[in-house]
Amino acid sequence: MEVLAKYPPEQRLEAYVYLQNATDLYIVTQVAFEMGEAKHPEAMVPLIRVAMGIKKDDARKARKYLGAMAEIRDVERLCKLVSAPYPVVRQYGIERLREIGDPRAVAM
């Protein structure tokens, strides 16, 4: 992660998009916060993974970034979360659809 810090922000964000699927939660957390800070539209999945994690401070910070994202209210984006490879992301997508009252959530 320190190596990426030496690159310009645009190049870092491009690399973070590829790293968002890492299995190491430390990397996912760093990627999520960097992308969240930049308001990158692809930040939603890593932020959800961190928000649903066990580290309370990181989860709180991730939920703050998620709350500021317009994508979190986009029903089509939420429907795509339901087919994500991560159970916590699928669960989050279903819960948000139910909160919004979208009829597609009933089938899930």
Protein backbone atom coordinates (compact mmCIF):
# COMPACT_ATOMS: atom_id res chain seq x y z
CA MET A 1 0.00 0.00 0.00
CA GLU A 2 2.89 2.35 0.73
CA VAL A 3 4.20 1.90 -2.79
CA LEU A 4 0.89 3.03 -4.28
CA ALA A 5 1.02 6.23 -2.24
CA LYS A 6 3.87 7.44 -4.45
CA TYR A 7 1.66 7.47 -7.56
CA PRO A 8 -0.71 10.28 -8.61
CA PRO A 9 -4.29 9.96 -7.25
CA GLU A 10 -5.79 8.93 -10.61
CA GLN A 11 -3.38 6.02 -10.96
CA ARG A 12 -3.83 5.00 -7.32
CA LEU A 13 -7.61 4.87 -7.72
CA GLU A 14 -7.25 2.71 -10.81
CA ALA A 15 -5.09 0.27 -8.85
CA TYR A 16 -7.54 0.31 -5.93
CA VAL A 17 -10.36 -0.83 -8.21
CA TYR A 18 -8.35 -4.02 -8.83
CA LEU A 19 -7.41 -4.42 -5.17
CA GLN A 20 -10.97 -4.12 -3.86
CA ASN A 21 -11.41 -7.89 -4.23
CA ALA A 22 -8.43 -8.74 -2.02
CA THR A 23 -8.90 -11.33 0.71
CA ASP A 24 -6.72 -9.44 3.20
CA LEU A 25 -9.11 -7.22 5.18
CA TYR A 26 -6.32 -4.73 5.94
CA ILE A 27 -5.90 -4.10 2.21
CA VAL A 28 -9.66 -3.96 1.64
CA THR A 29 -9.97 -1.40 4.47
CA GLN A 30 -7.25 0.82 3.06
CA VAL A 31 -8.70 0.56 -0.45
CA ALA A 32 -12.22 1.29 0.82
CA PHE A 33 -11.15 4.41 2.71
CA GLU A 34 -9.03 5.76 -0.15
CA MET A 35 -11.82 5.19 -2.65
CA GLY A 36 -14.42 6.55 -0.23
CA GLU A 37 -12.39 9.68 0.35
CA ALA A 38 -12.18 10.21 -3.42
CA LYS A 39 -15.92 9.52 -3.77
CA HIS A 40 -15.16 6.84 -6.33
CA PRO A 41 -18.35 5.06 -7.52
CA GLU A 42 -16.67 1.65 -7.21
CA ALA A 43 -16.07 2.21 -3.48
CA MET A 44 -19.42 0.72 -2.50
CA VAL A 45 -18.42 -2.98 -2.31
CA PRO A 46 -15.19 -2.55 -0.31
CA LEU A 47 -16.91 -0.03 1.98
CA ILE A 48 -19.73 -2.49 2.64
CA ARG A 49 -17.21 -5.25 3.38
CA VAL A 50 -15.54 -3.01 5.97
CA ALA A 51 -18.83 -1.63 7.35
CA MET A 52 -20.06 -5.16 8.02
CA GLY A 53 -16.71 -6.21 9.53
CA ILE A 54 -15.75 -6.71 13.16
CA LYS A 55 -13.53 -3.66 13.68
CA LYS A 56 -15.95 -1.12 15.12
CA ASP A 57 -13.96 2.04 14.35
CA ASP A 58 -13.33 0.99 10.76
CA ALA A 59 -16.98 -0.06 10.37
CA ARG A 60 -18.19 3.31 11.66
CA LYS A 61 -15.92 5.18 9.25
CA ALA A 62 -17.02 2.97 6.34
CA ARG A 63 -20.70 3.57 7.16
CA LYS A 64 -20.01 7.32 7.15
CA TYR A 65 -18.57 7.10 3.63
CA LEU A 66 -21.44 4.87 2.49
CA GLY A 67 -24.03 7.29 3.81
CA ALA A 68 -22.53 10.06 1.68
CA MET A 69 -22.65 8.02 -1.54
CA ALA A 70 -25.49 8.65 -4.00
CA GLU A 71 -25.01 5.09 -5.33
CA ILE A 72 -26.33 3.65 -2.07
CA ARG A 73 -29.79 4.95 -3.00
CA ASP A 74 -29.66 3.67 -6.60
CA VAL A 75 -31.98 0.67 -6.78
CA GLU A 76 -30.25 -0.77 -9.85
CA ARG A 77 -26.84 -0.66 -8.12
CA LEU A 78 -28.35 -2.28 -5.04
CA CYS A 79 -29.82 -5.07 -7.17
CA LYS A 80 -26.34 -5.77 -8.54
CA LEU A 81 -25.05 -6.17 -4.97
CA VAL A 82 -27.33 -9.16 -4.51
CA SER A 83 -25.17 -11.16 -6.91
CA ALA A 84 -21.86 -10.08 -5.34
CA PRO A 85 -19.40 -12.83 -4.37
CA TYR A 86 -19.37 -11.68 -0.72
CA PRO A 87 -22.24 -12.78 1.57
CA VAL A 88 -22.10 -9.57 3.63
CA VAL A 89 -22.44 -7.49 0.46
CA ARG A 90 -25.42 -9.55 -0.72
CA GLN A 91 -27.02 -9.21 2.72
CA TYR A 92 -26.45 -5.47 2.73
CA GLY A 93 -28.00 -5.11 -0.74
CA ILE A 94 -31.11 -7.05 0.26
CA GLU A 95 -31.51 -5.06 3.48
CA ARG A 96 -31.19 -1.72 1.65
CA LEU A 97 -33.75 -2.79 -0.97
CA ARG A 98 -36.16 -3.74 1.82
CA GLU A 99 -35.59 -0.38 3.56
CA ILE A 100 -36.31 1.43 0.32
CA GLY A 101 -39.41 -0.71 -0.17
CA ASP A 102 -38.46 -2.02 -3.59
CA PRO A 103 -40.71 -4.95 -4.56
CA ARG A 104 -37.71 -6.91 -5.88
CA ALA A 105 -36.54 -7.33 -2.28
CA VAL A 106 -39.55 -9.55 -1.57
CA ALA A 107 -38.25 -12.19 -3.96
CA MET A 108 -34.87 -12.29 -2.22
